[in-house]
Amino acid sequence: MDITGKIHEIFPVQTVKNNFNKRDFILLDDTNDQYPQYIKFELVQDKCSIVDTFKPGDEVKVYFNIRGREWVNPKGEKVYFNSLSAWKVESAGSGSQPQSEPPDFMPGDDDMPF
């Protein structure tokens, strides 16, 4: 899944339980002016650095997975948790252009392998 919005806040990396790193950031989805949405995403392990080049106010496109967990608390009650796990963040600003793959054959390249 993906969503586009503006970065509202980026939190520092946290180390949780024996070298497990986690980092949260908040995306502002203001497509509905009356009810803007502040959406929290999490980054884990090697993905924690993918927001290092961004700052609050930057327009980005976030690619993410929805994760859900079940936990039984000490009272024996089942509790459910959801998280939005981001795996890619890219600039979506008005000045950005989609990157295209280089062509397999460059015009003027007469050195063909066949």
PDB file of N, CA and C in Angstrom:
ATOM      1  N   MET A   1       0.841  -1.167   0.000  1.00  0.00           N
ATOM      2  CA  MET A   1       0.000   0.000   0.000  1.00  0.00           C
ATOM      3  C   MET A   1       0.890   1.236   0.000  1.00  0.00           C
ATOM      4  N   ASP A   2       0.296   2.358  -0.389  1.00  0.00           N
ATOM      5  CA  ASP A   2       1.052   3.612  -0.325  1.00  0.00           C
ATOM      6  C   ASP A   2       0.110   4.766  -0.039  1.00  0.00           C
ATOM      7  N   ILE A   3       0.693   5.844   0.447  1.00  0.00           N
ATOM      8  CA  ILE A   3      -0.040   7.063   0.760  1.00  0.00           C
ATOM      9  C   ILE A   3       0.914   8.240   0.586  1.00  0.00           C
ATOM     10  N   THR A   4       0.374   9.368   0.161  1.00  0.00           N
ATOM     11  CA  THR A   4       1.173  10.580   0.000  1.00  0.00           C
ATOM     12  C   THR A   4       0.702  11.626   1.002  1.00  0.00           C
ATOM     13  N   GLY A   5       1.658  12.329   1.576  1.00  0.00           N
ATOM     14  CA  GLY A   5       1.350  13.380   2.540  1.00  0.00           C
ATOM     15  C   GLY A   5       2.619  14.131   2.889  1.00  0.00           C
ATOM     16  N   LYS A   6       2.531  14.932   3.953  1.00  0.00           N
ATOM     17  CA  LYS A   6       3.697  15.703   4.402  1.00  0.00           C
ATOM     18  C   LYS A   6       4.202  15.146   5.719  1.00  0.00           C
ATOM     19  N   ILE A   7       5.514  15.087   5.822  1.00  0.00           N
ATOM     20  CA  ILE A   7       6.095  14.643   7.089  1.00  0.00           C
ATOM     21  C   ILE A   7       5.787  15.708   8.140  1.00  0.00           C
ATOM     22  N   HIS A   8       5.214  15.260   9.237  1.00  0.00           N
ATOM     23  CA  HIS A   8       4.869  16.163  10.334  1.00  0.00           C
ATOM     24  C   HIS A   8       5.950  16.134  11.416  1.00  0.00           C
ATOM     25  N   GLU A   9       6.433  14.921  11.725  1.00  0.00           N
ATOM     26  CA  GLU A   9       7.445  14.780  12.767  1.00  0.00           C
ATOM     27  C   GLU A   9       8.213  13.482  12.555  1.00  0.00           C
ATOM     28  N   ILE A  10       9.515  13.520  12.855  1.00  0.00           N
ATOM     29  CA  ILE A  10      10.366  12.329  12.788  1.00  0.00           C
ATOM     30  C   ILE A  10      10.997  12.153  14.165  1.00  0.00           C
ATOM     31  N   PHE A  11      10.848  10.967  14.720  1.00  0.00           N
ATOM     32  CA  PHE A  11      11.375  10.688  16.049  1.00  0.00           C
ATOM     33  C   PHE A  11      12.737  10.008  15.950  1.00  0.00           C
ATOM     34  N   PRO A  12      13.535  10.072  17.028  1.00  0.00           N
ATOM     35  CA  PRO A  12      14.844   9.411  17.003  1.00  0.00           C
ATOM     36  C   PRO A  12      14.706   7.887  17.020  1.00  0.00           C
ATOM     37  N   VAL A  13      15.777   7.223  16.628  1.00  0.00           N
ATOM     38  CA  VAL A  13      15.828   5.759  16.660  1.00  0.00           C
ATOM     39  C   VAL A  13      15.839   5.305  18.115  1.00  0.00           C
ATOM     40  N   GLN A  14      15.056   4.275  18.400  1.00  0.00           N
ATOM     41  CA  GLN A  14      15.015   3.679  19.737  1.00  0.00           C
ATOM     42  C   GLN A  14      15.552   2.256  19.637  1.00  0.00           C
ATOM     43  N   THR A  15      16.345   1.871  20.620  1.00  0.00           N
ATOM     44  CA  THR A  15      16.795   0.484  20.695  1.00  0.00           C
ATOM     45  C   THR A  15      15.906  -0.224  21.698  1.00  0.00           C
ATOM     46  N   VAL A  16      15.245  -1.283  21.221  1.00  0.00           N
ATOM     47  CA  VAL A  16      14.315  -2.042  22.049  1.00  0.00           C
ATOM     48  C   VAL A  16      14.813  -3.475  22.110  1.00  0.00           C
ATOM     49  N   LYS A  17      14.960  -4.028  23.281  1.00  0.00           N
ATOM     50  CA  LYS A  17      15.327  -5.439  23.469  1.00  0.00           C
ATOM     51  C   LYS A  17      16.476  -5.922  22.585  1.00  0.00           C
ATOM     52  N   ASN A  18      17.641  -5.947  23.107  1.00  0.00           N
ATOM     53  CA  ASN A  18      18.788  -6.589  22.455  1.00  0.00           C
ATOM     54  C   ASN A  18      18.985  -6.245  20.985  1.00  0.00           C
ATOM     55  N   ASN A  19      19.354  -5.020  20.703  1.00  0.00           N
ATOM     56  CA  ASN A  19      19.735  -4.598  19.351  1.00  0.00           C
ATOM     57  C   ASN A  19      18.603  -4.549  18.330  1.00  0.00           C
ATOM     58  N   PHE A  20      17.361  -4.482  18.773  1.00  0.00           N
ATOM     59  CA  PHE A  20      16.250  -4.291  17.848  1.00  0.00           C
ATOM     60  C   PHE A  20      15.976  -2.792  17.790  1.00  0.00           C
ATOM     61  N   ASN A  21      16.136  -2.195  16.593  1.00  0.00           N
ATOM     62  CA  ASN A  21      15.957  -0.755  16.427  1.00  0.00           C
ATOM     63  C   ASN A  21      14.602  -0.446  15.815  1.00  0.00           C
ATOM     64  N   LYS A  22      14.005   0.643  16.300  1.00  0.00           N
ATOM     65  CA  LYS A  22      12.699   1.071  15.847  1.00  0.00           C
ATOM     66  C   LYS A  22      12.688   2.596  15.770  1.00  0.00           C
ATOM     67  N   ARG A  23      11.975   3.127  14.781  1.00  0.00           N
ATOM     68  CA  ARG A  23      11.866   4.575  14.637  1.00  0.00           C
ATOM     69  C   ARG A  23      10.466   4.890  14.109  1.00  0.00           C
ATOM     70  N   ASP A  24       9.834   5.886  14.694  1.00  0.00           N
ATOM     71  CA  ASP A  24       8.507   6.295  14.260  1.00  0.00           C
ATOM     72  C   ASP A  24       8.574   7.642  13.555  1.00  0.00           C
ATOM     73  N   PHE A  25       7.628   7.860  12.654  1.00  0.00           N
ATOM     74  CA  PHE A  25       7.440   9.189  12.078  1.00  0.00           C
ATOM     75  C   PHE A  25       5.952   9.388  11.808  1.00  0.00           C
ATOM     76  N   ILE A  26       5.565  10.655  11.760  1.00  0.00           N
ATOM     77  CA  ILE A  26       4.162  11.015  11.578  1.00  0.00           C
ATOM     78  C   ILE A  26       4.000  11.659  10.207  1.00  0.00           C
ATOM     79  N   LEU A  27       3.019  11.165   9.462  1.00  0.00           N
ATOM     80  CA  LEU A  27       2.672  11.712   8.154  1.00  0.00           C
ATOM     81  C   LEU A  27       1.356  12.464   8.285  1.00  0.00           C
ATOM     82  N   LEU A  28       1.313  13.687   7.773  1.00  0.00           N
ATOM     83  CA  LEU A  28       0.092  14.479   7.765  1.00  0.00           C
ATOM     84  C   LEU A  28      -0.604  14.298   6.424  1.00  0.00           C
ATOM     85  N   ASP A  29      -1.799  13.734   6.470  1.00  0.00           N
ATOM     86  CA  ASP A  29      -2.635  13.598   5.279  1.00  0.00           C
ATOM     87  C   ASP A  29      -3.715  14.662   5.389  1.00  0.00           C
ATOM     88  N   ASP A  30      -3.533  15.746   4.650  1.00  0.00           N
ATOM     89  CA  ASP A  30      -4.482  16.857   4.738  1.00  0.00           C
ATOM     90  C   ASP A  30      -5.349  16.980   3.491  1.00  0.00           C
ATOM     91  N   THR A  31      -5.634  15.842   2.853  1.00  0.00           N
ATOM     92  CA  THR A  31      -6.490  15.879   1.668  1.00  0.00           C
ATOM     93  C   THR A  31      -7.912  16.293   2.029  1.00  0.00           C
ATOM     94  N   ASN A  32      -8.315  16.066   3.271  1.00  0.00           N
ATOM     95  CA  ASN A  32      -9.594  16.552   3.765  1.00  0.00           C
ATOM     96  C   ASN A  32      -9.295  17.698   4.726  1.00  0.00           C
ATOM     97  N   ASP A  33      -9.467  18.937   4.258  1.00  0.00           N
ATOM     98  CA  ASP A  33      -9.101  20.114   5.047  1.00  0.00           C
ATOM     99  C   ASP A  33      -9.796  20.173   6.403  1.00  0.00           C
ATOM    100  N   GLN A  34     -11.013  19.676   6.468  1.00  0.00           N
ATOM    101  CA  GLN A  34     -11.765  19.750   7.716  1.00  0.00           C
ATOM    102  C   GLN A  34     -11.242  18.764   8.764  1.00  0.00           C
ATOM    103  N   TYR A  35     -10.785  17.608   8.314  1.00  0.00           N
ATOM    104  CA  TYR A  35     -10.321  16.584   9.233  1.00  0.00           C
ATOM    105  C   TYR A  35      -8.961  16.029   8.805  1.00  0.00           C
ATOM    106  N   PRO A  36      -7.884  16.784   9.011  1.00  0.00           N
ATOM    107  CA  PRO A  36      -6.561  16.263   8.648  1.00  0.00           C
ATOM    108  C   PRO A  36      -6.231  15.042   9.504  1.00  0.00           C
ATOM    109  N   GLN A  37      -5.489  14.112   8.915  1.00  0.00           N
ATOM    110  CA  GLN A  37      -5.136  12.870   9.604  1.00  0.00           C
ATOM    111  C   GLN A  37      -3.639  12.841   9.881  1.00  0.00           C
ATOM    112  N   TYR A  38      -3.283  12.547  11.115  1.00  0.00           N
ATOM    113  CA  TYR A  38      -1.894  12.385  11.519  1.00  0.00           C
ATOM    114  C   TYR A  38      -1.657  10.886  11.669  1.00  0.00           C
ATOM    115  N   ILE A  39      -0.893  10.308  10.759  1.00  0.00           N
ATOM    116  CA  ILE A  39      -0.743   8.859  10.685  1.00  0.00           C
ATOM    117  C   ILE A  39       0.665   8.467  11.122  1.00  0.00           C
ATOM    118  N   LYS A  40       0.733   7.576  12.101  1.00  0.00           N
ATOM    119  CA  LYS A  40       2.028   7.137  12.631  1.00  0.00           C
ATOM    120  C   LYS A  40       2.492   5.890  11.901  1.00  0.00           C
ATOM    121  N   PHE A  41       3.733   5.953  11.390  1.00  0.00           N
ATOM    122  CA  PHE A  41       4.380   4.820  10.743  1.00  0.00           C
ATOM    123  C   PHE A  41       5.574   4.407  11.577  1.00  0.00           C
ATOM    124  N   GLU A  42       5.934   3.141  11.465  1.00  0.00           N
ATOM    125  CA  GLU A  42       7.140   2.680  12.142  1.00  0.00           C
ATOM    126  C   GLU A  42       8.126   2.139  11.124  1.00  0.00           C
ATOM    127  N   LEU A  43       9.392   2.314  11.448  1.00  0.00           N
ATOM    128  CA  LEU A  43      10.503   1.763  10.670  1.00  0.00           C
ATOM    129  C   LEU A  43      11.266   0.853  11.609  1.00  0.00           C
ATOM    130  N   VAL A  44      11.760  -0.271  11.096  1.00  0.00           N
ATOM    131  CA  VAL A  44      12.509  -1.182  11.957  1.00  0.00           C
ATOM    132  C   VAL A  44      13.834  -1.563  11.311  1.00  0.00           C
ATOM    133  N   GLN A  45      14.787  -1.852  12.183  1.00  0.00           N
ATOM    134  CA  GLN A  45      16.115  -2.321  11.827  1.00  0.00           C
ATOM    135  C   GLN A  45      16.783  -1.454  10.757  1.00  0.00           C
ATOM    136  N   ASP A  46      17.166  -2.013   9.616  1.00  0.00           N
ATOM    137  CA  ASP A  46      17.912  -1.270   8.604  1.00  0.00           C
ATOM    138  C   ASP A  46      17.061  -0.216   7.901  1.00  0.00           C
ATOM    139  N   LYS A  47      15.749  -0.205   8.092  1.00  0.00           N
ATOM    140  CA  LYS A  47      14.870   0.787   7.468  1.00  0.00           C
ATOM    141  C   LYS A  47      14.816   2.096   8.269  1.00  0.00           C
ATOM    142  N   CYS A  48      15.370   2.117   9.472  1.00  0.00           N
ATOM    143  CA  CYS A  48      15.302   3.310  10.331  1.00  0.00           C
ATOM    144  C   CYS A  48      15.923   4.543   9.681  1.00  0.00           C
ATOM    145  N   SER A  49      16.863   4.360   8.802  1.00  0.00           N
ATOM    146  CA  SER A  49      17.575   5.500   8.210  1.00  0.00           C
ATOM    147  C   SER A  49      16.892   6.067   6.958  1.00  0.00           C
ATOM    148  N   ILE A  50      15.824   5.457   6.466  1.00  0.00           N
ATOM    149  CA  ILE A  50      15.253   5.912   5.195  1.00  0.00           C
ATOM    150  C   ILE A  50      14.577   7.275   5.287  1.00  0.00           C
ATOM    151  N   VAL A  51      14.387   7.798   6.491  1.00  0.00           N
ATOM    152  CA  VAL A  51      13.822   9.146   6.614  1.00  0.00           C
ATOM    153  C   VAL A  51      14.875  10.187   6.985  1.00  0.00           C
ATOM    154  N   ASP A  52      16.139   9.779   7.038  1.00  0.00           N
ATOM    155  CA  ASP A  52      17.216  10.703   7.425  1.00  0.00           C
ATOM    156  C   ASP A  52      17.317  11.928   6.518  1.00  0.00           C
ATOM    157  N   THR A  53      16.995  11.794   5.257  1.00  0.00           N
ATOM    158  CA  THR A  53      17.155  12.903   4.318  1.00  0.00           C
ATOM    159  C   THR A  53      15.931  13.816   4.261  1.00  0.00           C
ATOM    160  N   PHE A  54      14.894  13.482   5.020  1.00  0.00           N
ATOM    161  CA  PHE A  54      13.669  14.288   5.009  1.00  0.00           C
ATOM    162  C   PHE A  54      13.545  15.113   6.274  1.00  0.00           C
ATOM    163  N   LYS A  55      12.699  16.130   6.195  1.00  0.00           N
ATOM    164  CA  LYS A  55      12.438  16.986   7.348  1.00  0.00           C
ATOM    165  C   LYS A  55      10.944  17.310   7.381  1.00  0.00           C
ATOM    166  N   PRO A  56      10.437  17.777   8.531  1.00  0.00           N
ATOM    167  CA  PRO A  56       9.022  18.141   8.594  1.00  0.00           C
ATOM    168  C   PRO A  56       8.659  19.146   7.495  1.00  0.00           C
ATOM    169  N   GLY A  57       7.521  18.905   6.870  1.00  0.00           N
ATOM    170  CA  GLY A  57       7.054  19.746   5.772  1.00  0.00           C
ATOM    171  C   GLY A  57       7.312  19.153   4.397  1.00  0.00           C
ATOM    172  N   ASP A  58       8.252  18.198   4.302  1.00  0.00           N
ATOM    173  CA  ASP A  58       8.541  17.558   3.014  1.00  0.00           C
ATOM    174  C   ASP A  58       7.358  16.690   2.597  1.00  0.00           C
ATOM    175  N   GLU A  59       6.998  16.790   1.320  1.00  0.00           N
ATOM    176  CA  GLU A  59       5.937  15.945   0.783  1.00  0.00           C
ATOM    177  C   GLU A  59       6.566  14.636   0.319  1.00  0.00           C
ATOM    178  N   VAL A  60       6.015  13.527   0.810  1.00  0.00           N
ATOM    179  CA  VAL A  60       6.586  12.216   0.525  1.00  0.00           C
ATOM    180  C   VAL A  60       5.496  11.209   0.171  1.00  0.00           C
ATOM    181  N   LYS A  61       5.939  10.146  -0.446  1.00  0.00           N
ATOM    182  CA  LYS A  61       5.082   8.990  -0.699  1.00  0.00           C
ATOM    183  C   LYS A  61       5.647   7.857   0.146  1.00  0.00           C
ATOM    184  N   VAL A  62       4.793   7.270   0.984  1.00  0.00           N
ATOM    185  CA  VAL A  62       5.206   6.208   1.897  1.00  0.00           C
ATOM    186  C   VAL A  62       4.596   4.892   1.432  1.00  0.00           C
ATOM    187  N   TYR A  63       5.452   3.894   1.265  1.00  0.00           N
ATOM    188  CA  TYR A  63       5.018   2.537   0.944  1.00  0.00           C
ATOM    189  C   TYR A  63       5.075   1.746   2.244  1.00  0.00           C
ATOM    190  N   PHE A  64       4.006   1.003   2.547  1.00  0.00           N
ATOM    191  CA  PHE A  64       3.943   0.352   3.849  1.00  0.00           C
ATOM    192  C   PHE A  64       3.121  -0.925   3.810  1.00  0.00           C
ATOM    193  N   ASN A  65       3.289  -1.722   4.865  1.00  0.00           N
ATOM    194  CA  ASN A  65       2.498  -2.924   5.098  1.00  0.00           C
ATOM    195  C   ASN A  65       1.718  -2.731   6.389  1.00  0.00           C
ATOM    196  N   ILE A  66       0.540  -3.303   6.459  1.00  0.00           N
ATOM    197  CA  ILE A  66      -0.251  -3.290   7.691  1.00  0.00           C
ATOM    198  C   ILE A  66       0.070  -4.574   8.445  1.00  0.00           C
ATOM    199  N   ARG A  67       0.435  -4.432   9.691  1.00  0.00           N
ATOM    200  CA  ARG A  67       0.769  -5.572  10.537  1.00  0.00           C
ATOM    201  C   ARG A  67      -0.232  -5.632  11.699  1.00  0.00           C
ATOM    202  N   GLY A  68      -0.570  -6.817  12.131  1.00  0.00           N
ATOM    203  CA  GLY A  68      -1.467  -6.998  13.268  1.00  0.00           C
ATOM    204  C   GLY A  68      -0.959  -8.112  14.164  1.00  0.00           C
ATOM    205  N   ARG A  69      -1.122  -7.920  15.474  1.00  0.00           N
ATOM    206  CA  ARG A  69      -0.655  -8.911  16.442  1.00  0.00           C
ATOM    207  C   ARG A  69      -1.726  -9.166  17.494  1.00  0.00           C
ATOM    208  N   GLU A  70      -1.720 -10.384  18.009  1.00  0.00           N
ATOM    209  CA  GLU A  70      -2.569 -10.747  19.136  1.00  0.00           C
ATOM    210  C   GLU A  70      -1.672 -10.943  20.341  1.00  0.00           C
ATOM    211  N   TRP A  71      -2.124 -10.482  21.511  1.00  0.00           N
ATOM    212  CA  TRP A  71      -1.357 -10.648  22.738  1.00  0.00           C
ATOM    213  C   TRP A  71      -2.340 -11.001  23.848  1.00  0.00           C
ATOM    214  N   VAL A  72      -1.970 -11.925  24.689  1.00  0.00           N
ATOM    215  CA  VAL A  72      -2.793 -12.269  25.841  1.00  0.00           C
ATOM    216  C   VAL A  72      -2.154 -11.610  27.061  1.00  0.00           C
ATOM    217  N   ASN A  73      -2.900 -10.697  27.699  1.00  0.00           N
ATOM    218  CA  ASN A  73      -2.351  -9.959  28.838  1.00  0.00           C
ATOM    219  C   ASN A  73      -2.334 -10.842  30.088  1.00  0.00           C
ATOM    220  N   PRO A  74      -1.730 -10.365  31.177  1.00  0.00           N
ATOM    221  CA  PRO A  74      -1.640 -11.183  32.395  1.00  0.00           C
ATOM    222  C   PRO A  74      -3.001 -11.626  32.963  1.00  0.00           C
ATOM    223  N   LYS A  75      -4.061 -10.921  32.625  1.00  0.00           N
ATOM    224  CA  LYS A  75      -5.394 -11.311  33.096  1.00  0.00           C
ATOM    225  C   LYS A  75      -6.021 -12.389  32.208  1.00  0.00           C
ATOM    226  N   GLY A  76      -5.296 -12.774  31.142  1.00  0.00           N
ATOM    227  CA  GLY A  76      -5.811 -13.785  30.234  1.00  0.00           C
ATOM    228  C   GLY A  76      -6.696 -13.219  29.130  1.00  0.00           C
ATOM    229  N   GLU A  77      -6.749 -11.896  29.000  1.00  0.00           N
ATOM    230  CA  GLU A  77      -7.585 -11.262  27.984  1.00  0.00           C
ATOM    231  C   GLU A  77      -6.780 -11.080  26.702  1.00  0.00           C
ATOM    232  N   LYS A  78      -7.429 -11.320  25.571  1.00  0.00           N
ATOM    233  CA  LYS A  78      -6.781 -11.097  24.288  1.00  0.00           C
ATOM    234  C   LYS A  78      -6.834  -9.608  23.940  1.00  0.00           C
ATOM    235  N   VAL A  79      -5.691  -9.097  23.493  1.00  0.00           N
ATOM    236  CA  VAL A  79      -5.580  -7.707  23.067  1.00  0.00           C
ATOM    237  C   VAL A  79      -4.966  -7.726  21.666  1.00  0.00           C
ATOM    238  N   TYR A  80      -5.447  -6.837  20.801  1.00  0.00           N
ATOM    239  CA  TYR A  80      -4.964  -6.786  19.426  1.00  0.00           C
ATOM    240  C   TYR A  80      -4.304  -5.449  19.147  1.00  0.00           C
ATOM    241  N   PHE A  81      -3.201  -5.501  18.393  1.00  0.00           N
ATOM    242  CA  PHE A  81      -2.451  -4.312  18.033  1.00  0.00           C
ATOM    243  C   PHE A  81      -2.276  -4.260  16.519  1.00  0.00           C
ATOM    244  N   ASN A  82      -2.325  -3.075  15.967  1.00  0.00           N
ATOM    245  CA  ASN A  82      -2.053  -2.859  14.552  1.00  0.00           C
ATOM    246  C   ASN A  82      -0.881  -1.893  14.421  1.00  0.00           C
ATOM    247  N   SER A  83      -0.107  -2.046  13.352  1.00  0.00           N
ATOM    248  CA  SER A  83       0.956  -1.094  13.074  1.00  0.00           C
ATOM    249  C   SER A  83       1.089  -0.926  11.567  1.00  0.00           C
ATOM    250  N   LEU A  84       1.573   0.230  11.173  1.00  0.00           N
ATOM    251  CA  LEU A  84       1.849   0.532   9.774  1.00  0.00           C
ATOM    252  C   LEU A  84       3.367   0.526   9.618  1.00  0.00           C
ATOM    253  N   SER A  85       3.874  -0.485   8.958  1.00  0.00           N
ATOM    254  CA  SER A  85       5.313  -0.693   8.843  1.00  0.00           C
ATOM    255  C   SER A  85       5.799  -0.188   7.482  1.00  0.00           C
ATOM    256  N   ALA A  86       6.457   0.969   7.491  1.00  0.00           N
ATOM    257  CA  ALA A  86       6.957   1.571   6.250  1.00  0.00           C
ATOM    258  C   ALA A  86       8.207   0.838   5.783  1.00  0.00           C
ATOM    259  N   TRP A  87       8.341   0.646   4.472  1.00  0.00           N
ATOM    260  CA  TRP A  87       9.526  -0.001   3.926  1.00  0.00           C
ATOM    261  C   TRP A  87      10.187   0.838   2.837  1.00  0.00           C
ATOM    262  N   LYS A  88       9.499   1.919   2.406  1.00  0.00           N
ATOM    263  CA  LYS A  88      10.106   2.821   1.423  1.00  0.00           C
ATOM    264  C   LYS A  88       9.457   4.191   1.579  1.00  0.00           C
ATOM    265  N   VAL A  89      10.274   5.237   1.526  1.00  0.00           N
ATOM    266  CA  VAL A  89       9.792   6.615   1.563  1.00  0.00           C
ATOM    267  C   VAL A  89      10.519   7.365   0.465  1.00  0.00           C
ATOM    268  N   GLU A  90       9.754   8.024  -0.406  1.00  0.00           N
ATOM    269  CA  GLU A  90      10.376   8.787  -1.485  1.00  0.00           C
ATOM    270  C   GLU A  90       9.738  10.163  -1.583  1.00  0.00           C
ATOM    271  N   SER A  91      10.482  11.091  -2.132  1.00  0.00           N
ATOM    272  CA  SER A  91       9.998  12.448  -2.303  1.00  0.00           C
ATOM    273  C   SER A  91       8.820  12.469  -3.263  1.00  0.00           C
ATOM    274  N   ALA A  92       7.809  13.250  -2.920  1.00  0.00           N
ATOM    275  CA  ALA A  92       6.641  13.393  -3.790  1.00  0.00           C
ATOM    276  C   ALA A  92       6.387  14.867  -4.069  1.00  0.00           C
ATOM    277  N   GLY A  93       7.384  15.709  -3.828  1.00  0.00           N
ATOM    278  CA  GLY A  93       7.243  17.147  -4.030  1.00  0.00           C
ATOM    279  C   GLY A  93       6.974  17.501  -5.463  1.00  0.00           C
ATOM    280  N   SER A  94       6.473  18.693  -5.669  1.00  0.00           N
ATOM    281  CA  SER A  94       6.089  19.128  -7.011  1.00  0.00           C
ATOM    282  C   SER A  94       7.276  19.165  -7.970  1.00  0.00           C
ATOM    283  N   GLY A  95       8.485  19.304  -7.445  1.00  0.00           N
ATOM    284  CA  GLY A  95       9.649  19.374  -8.314  1.00  0.00           C
ATOM    285  C   GLY A  95      10.243  18.024  -8.652  1.00  0.00           C
ATOM    286  N   SER A  96       9.735  16.961  -8.021  1.00  0.00           N
ATOM    287  CA  SER A  96      10.348  15.657  -8.277  1.00  0.00           C
ATOM    288  C   SER A  96       9.779  15.031  -9.535  1.00  0.00           C
ATOM    289  N   GLN A  97      10.634  14.337 -10.232  1.00  0.00           N
ATOM    290  CA  GLN A  97      10.244  13.633 -11.438  1.00  0.00           C
ATOM    291  C   GLN A  97      10.447  12.147 -11.193  1.00  0.00           C
ATOM    292  N   PRO A  98       9.553  11.299 -11.699  1.00  0.00           N
ATOM    293  CA  PRO A  98       9.790   9.871 -11.532  1.00  0.00           C
ATOM    294  C   PRO A  98      11.073   9.456 -12.227  1.00  0.00           C
ATOM    295  N   GLN A  99      11.839   8.629 -11.574  1.00  0.00           N
ATOM    296  CA  GLN A  99      13.078   8.158 -12.176  1.00  0.00           C
ATOM    297  C   GLN A  99      12.755   7.025 -13.122  1.00  0.00           C
ATOM    298  N   SER A 100      13.354   7.066 -14.291  1.00  0.00           N
ATOM    299  CA  SER A 100      13.134   5.993 -15.247  1.00  0.00           C
ATOM    300  C   SER A 100      14.378   5.135 -15.320  1.00  0.00           C
ATOM    301  N   GLU A 101      14.164   3.904 -15.680  1.00  0.00           N
ATOM    302  CA  GLU A 101      15.272   2.984 -15.841  1.00  0.00           C
ATOM    303  C   GLU A 101      16.040   3.343 -17.105  1.00  0.00           C
ATOM    304  N   PRO A 102      17.364   3.185 -17.105  1.00  0.00           N
ATOM    305  CA  PRO A 102      18.120   3.456 -18.328  1.00  0.00           C
ATOM    306  C   PRO A 102      17.745   2.429 -19.392  1.00  0.00           C
ATOM    307  N   PRO A 103      17.682   2.840 -20.641  1.00  0.00           N
ATOM    308  CA  PRO A 103      17.328   1.877 -21.682  1.00  0.00           C
ATOM    309  C   PRO A 103      18.415   0.829 -21.845  1.00  0.00           C
ATOM    310  N   ASP A 104      17.987  -0.364 -22.303  1.00  0.00           N
ATOM    311  CA  ASP A 104      18.949  -1.445 -22.537  1.00  0.00           C
ATOM    312  C   ASP A 104      19.876  -1.120 -23.692  1.00  0.00           C
ATOM    313  N   PHE A 105      19.389  -0.357 -24.658  1.00  0.00           N
ATOM    314  CA  PHE A 105      20.172  -0.012 -25.838  1.00  0.00           C
ATOM    315  C   PHE A 105      20.208   1.500 -25.949  1.00  0.00           C
ATOM    316  N   MET A 106      21.383   2.068 -25.979  1.00  0.00           N
ATOM    317  CA  MET A 106      21.541   3.505 -26.107  1.00  0.00           C
ATOM    318  C   MET A 106      21.659   3.856 -27.587  1.00  0.00           C
ATOM    319  N   PRO A 107      20.922   4.849 -28.097  1.00  0.00           N
ATOM    320  CA  PRO A 107      21.037   5.243 -29.494  1.00  0.00           C
ATOM    321  C   PRO A 107      22.498   5.573 -29.832  1.00  0.00           C
ATOM    322  N   GLY A 108      22.927   5.126 -30.994  1.00  0.00           N
ATOM    323  CA  GLY A 108      24.295   5.389 -31.416  1.00  0.00           C
ATOM    324  C   GLY A 108      25.265   4.312 -30.955  1.00  0.00           C
ATOM    325  N   ASP A 109      24.791   3.342 -30.189  1.00  0.00           N
ATOM    326  CA  ASP A 109      25.648   2.260 -29.715  1.00  0.00           C
ATOM    327  C   ASP A 109      25.635   1.157 -30.767  1.00  0.00           C
ATOM    328  N   ASP A 110      26.676   1.133 -31.628  1.00  0.00           N
ATOM    329  CA  ASP A 110      26.716   0.183 -32.731  1.00  0.00           C
ATOM    330  C   ASP A 110      27.419  -1.125 -32.346  1.00  0.00           C
ATOM    331  N   ASP A 111      27.899  -1.214 -31.116  1.00  0.00           N
ATOM    332  CA  ASP A 111      28.615  -2.401 -30.701  1.00  0.00           C
ATOM    333  C   ASP A 111      27.620  -3.412 -30.150  1.00  0.00           C
ATOM    334  N   MET A 112      26.891  -4.062 -31.034  1.00  0.00           N
ATOM    335  CA  MET A 112      25.845  -5.009 -30.644  1.00  0.00           C
ATOM    336  C   MET A 112      26.481  -6.374 -30.373  1.00  0.00           C
ATOM    337  N   PRO A 113      25.984  -7.093 -29.367  1.00  0.00           N
ATOM    338  CA  PRO A 113      26.573  -8.385 -29.026  1.00  0.00           C
ATOM    339  C   PRO A 113      26.216  -9.498 -30.007  1.00  0.00           C
ATOM    340  N   PHE A 114      25.392  -9.284 -31.020  1.00  0.00           N
ATOM    341  CA  PHE A 114      25.034 -10.346 -31.965  1.00  0.00           C
ATOM    342  C   PHE A 114      25.265  -9.941 -33.396  1.00  0.00           C
TER     343      PHE A 114
END
